[in-house]
């Protein structure tokens, strides 16, 4: 087997491995979406920044 043939063989194996990794990543995301606990939708989420009262109303305009 020449070096070029070996390189082609290894590139093909790499492409198959990358494809399998992508499939497993998608499966993992789907598992997480459907089987792992999620925060309750009505849970009171407080913004982490800015702390209340740090900026007086009207000082920041976006």
N, C-alpha and C. Protein backbone atom coordinates (compact mmCIF):
# COMPACT_ATOMS: atom_id res chain seq x y z
N UNK A 1 0.85 -1.18 0.00
CA UNK A 1 0.00 0.00 0.00
C UNK A 1 0.89 1.24 0.00
N UNK A 2 0.61 2.11 -0.92
CA UNK A 2 1.42 3.32 -1.01
C UNK A 2 0.97 4.31 0.06
N UNK A 3 1.79 5.30 0.26
CA UNK A 3 1.46 6.34 1.25
C UNK A 3 0.17 7.06 0.86
N UNK A 4 0.00 7.31 -0.44
CA UNK A 4 -1.21 8.01 -0.89
C UNK A 4 -2.45 7.18 -0.62
N UNK A 5 -2.36 5.85 -0.84
CA UNK A 5 -3.50 4.98 -0.57
C UNK A 5 -3.82 4.96 0.93
N UNK A 6 -2.76 4.91 1.73
CA UNK A 6 -2.96 4.90 3.20
C UNK A 6 -3.59 6.20 3.66
N UNK A 7 -3.13 7.31 3.11
CA UNK A 7 -3.71 8.62 3.46
C UNK A 7 -5.19 8.65 3.08
N UNK A 8 -5.52 8.18 1.89
CA UNK A 8 -6.92 8.16 1.45
C UNK A 8 -7.76 7.28 2.38
N UNK A 9 -7.20 6.13 2.77
CA UNK A 9 -7.93 5.23 3.67
C UNK A 9 -8.17 5.90 5.02
N UNK A 10 -7.14 6.54 5.55
CA UNK A 10 -7.29 7.20 6.85
C UNK A 10 -8.25 8.39 6.77
N UNK A 11 -8.24 9.12 5.66
CA UNK A 11 -9.17 10.23 5.49
C UNK A 11 -10.61 9.73 5.44
N UNK A 12 -10.82 8.60 4.80
CA UNK A 12 -12.17 8.02 4.74
C UNK A 12 -12.63 7.59 6.13
N UNK A 13 -11.74 6.98 6.90
CA UNK A 13 -12.08 6.57 8.26
C UNK A 13 -12.36 7.78 9.14
N UNK A 14 -11.58 8.85 8.95
CA UNK A 14 -11.81 10.08 9.71
C UNK A 14 -13.18 10.67 9.39
N UNK A 15 -13.54 10.68 8.12
CA UNK A 15 -14.85 11.22 7.72
C UNK A 15 -15.98 10.41 8.35
N UNK A 16 -15.83 9.08 8.38
CA UNK A 16 -16.87 8.24 9.00
C UNK A 16 -16.94 8.52 10.50
N UNK A 17 -15.79 8.66 11.15
CA UNK A 17 -15.78 8.92 12.59
C UNK A 17 -16.41 10.28 12.89
N UNK A 18 -16.11 11.29 12.08
CA UNK A 18 -16.71 12.61 12.29
C UNK A 18 -18.21 12.55 12.12
N UNK A 19 -18.69 11.77 11.15
CA UNK A 19 -20.12 11.62 10.94
C UNK A 19 -20.77 10.95 12.15
N UNK A 20 -20.13 9.92 12.68
CA UNK A 20 -20.67 9.25 13.85
C UNK A 20 -20.70 10.18 15.05
N UNK A 21 -19.66 10.99 15.21
CA UNK A 21 -19.62 11.96 16.32
C UNK A 21 -20.78 12.94 16.21
N UNK A 22 -21.03 13.44 15.01
CA UNK A 22 -22.14 14.38 14.80
C UNK A 22 -23.47 13.73 15.16
N UNK A 23 -23.65 12.48 14.76
CA UNK A 23 -24.89 11.76 15.09
C UNK A 23 -25.04 11.61 16.61
N UNK A 24 -23.96 11.23 17.28
CA UNK A 24 -24.02 11.06 18.73
C UNK A 24 -24.28 12.39 19.44
N UNK A 25 -23.71 13.49 18.93
CA UNK A 25 -23.97 14.79 19.53
C UNK A 25 -25.45 15.15 19.40
N UNK A 26 -26.05 14.89 18.23
CA UNK A 26 -27.47 15.18 18.05
C UNK A 26 -28.31 14.31 18.99
N UNK A 27 -27.94 13.03 19.10
CA UNK A 27 -28.68 12.13 19.98
C UNK A 27 -28.57 12.61 21.44
N UNK A 28 -27.40 13.08 21.82
CA UNK A 28 -27.21 13.57 23.18
C UNK A 28 -28.06 14.80 23.45
N UNK A 29 -28.14 15.71 22.48
CA UNK A 29 -28.98 16.90 22.65
C UNK A 29 -30.44 16.50 22.78
N UNK A 30 -30.88 15.57 21.94
CA UNK A 30 -32.27 15.13 22.01
C UNK A 30 -32.55 14.46 23.36
N UNK A 31 -31.60 13.67 23.84
CA UNK A 31 -31.79 13.03 25.15
C UNK A 31 -31.92 14.09 26.23
N UNK A 32 -31.04 15.10 26.18
CA UNK A 32 -31.08 16.14 27.20
C UNK A 32 -32.40 16.90 27.17
N UNK A 33 -32.88 17.18 25.97
CA UNK A 33 -34.13 17.93 25.83
C UNK A 33 -35.29 17.14 26.43
N UNK A 34 -35.32 15.84 26.19
CA UNK A 34 -36.49 15.04 26.55
C UNK A 34 -36.39 14.35 27.90
N UNK A 35 -35.18 14.16 28.43
CA UNK A 35 -35.06 13.31 29.62
C UNK A 35 -34.42 13.98 30.82
N UNK A 36 -33.79 15.13 30.66
CA UNK A 36 -33.16 15.77 31.81
C UNK A 36 -34.09 16.82 32.38
N UNK A 37 -34.02 17.06 33.69
CA UNK A 37 -34.92 18.04 34.29
C UNK A 37 -34.64 19.45 33.78
N UNK A 38 -35.69 20.20 33.64
CA UNK A 38 -35.59 21.59 33.21
C UNK A 38 -36.19 22.47 34.29
N UNK A 39 -35.76 23.72 34.38
CA UNK A 39 -36.37 24.61 35.35
C UNK A 39 -37.86 24.78 35.05
N UNK A 40 -38.62 24.96 36.07
CA UNK A 40 -40.05 25.16 35.86
C UNK A 40 -40.27 26.47 35.11
N UNK A 41 -41.20 26.51 34.18
CA UNK A 41 -41.39 27.72 33.39
C UNK A 41 -41.87 28.91 34.21
N UNK A 42 -42.54 28.65 35.35
CA UNK A 42 -43.02 29.76 36.16
C UNK A 42 -42.06 30.11 37.30
N UNK A 43 -40.87 29.56 37.27
CA UNK A 43 -39.89 29.85 38.30
C UNK A 43 -39.47 31.31 38.19
N UNK A 44 -39.48 32.06 39.29
CA UNK A 44 -39.15 33.49 39.18
C UNK A 44 -37.65 33.69 38.94
N UNK A 45 -37.30 34.04 37.74
CA UNK A 45 -35.89 34.23 37.38
C UNK A 45 -35.55 35.71 37.55
N UNK A 46 -34.56 35.97 38.35
CA UNK A 46 -34.10 37.34 38.56
C UNK A 46 -32.90 37.60 37.65
N UNK A 47 -32.85 38.76 36.99
CA UNK A 47 -31.67 39.04 36.17
C UNK A 47 -30.43 39.16 37.06
N UNK A 48 -29.33 38.61 36.60
CA UNK A 48 -28.11 38.63 37.39
C UNK A 48 -27.44 40.01 37.35
N UNK A 49 -27.75 40.81 36.33
CA UNK A 49 -27.10 42.10 36.20
C UNK A 49 -28.05 43.04 35.51
N UNK A 50 -28.14 44.26 35.86
CA UNK A 50 -27.48 44.89 37.01
C UNK A 50 -28.27 44.63 38.28
N UNK A 51 -27.61 44.71 39.42
CA UNK A 51 -28.35 44.56 40.68
C UNK A 51 -29.40 45.66 40.79
N UNK A 52 -30.52 45.39 41.46
CA UNK A 52 -31.57 46.40 41.59
C UNK A 52 -31.04 47.68 42.20
N UNK A 53 -31.41 48.81 41.60
CA UNK A 53 -31.02 50.11 42.13
C UNK A 53 -29.65 50.57 41.72
N UNK A 54 -28.90 49.77 40.98
CA UNK A 54 -27.55 50.19 40.60
C UNK A 54 -27.60 51.35 39.62
N UNK A 55 -28.54 51.31 38.69
CA UNK A 55 -28.67 52.38 37.71
C UNK A 55 -30.04 53.02 37.87
N UNK A 56 -30.09 54.32 38.12
CA UNK A 56 -31.39 54.97 38.22
C UNK A 56 -32.15 54.86 36.90
N UNK A 57 -33.46 54.83 36.93
CA UNK A 57 -34.24 54.72 35.69
C UNK A 57 -33.89 55.81 34.70
N UNK A 58 -33.75 55.42 33.44
CA UNK A 58 -33.48 56.39 32.38
C UNK A 58 -32.02 56.68 32.14
N UNK A 59 -31.11 56.14 32.95
CA UNK A 59 -29.69 56.45 32.73
C UNK A 59 -29.08 55.58 31.64
N UNK A 60 -29.70 54.45 31.34
CA UNK A 60 -29.20 53.57 30.28
C UNK A 60 -30.27 53.48 29.22
N UNK A 61 -29.92 53.85 28.01
CA UNK A 61 -30.85 53.73 26.90
C UNK A 61 -30.21 52.87 25.83
N UNK A 62 -30.94 51.92 25.35
CA UNK A 62 -30.42 51.03 24.32
C UNK A 62 -31.23 51.19 23.06
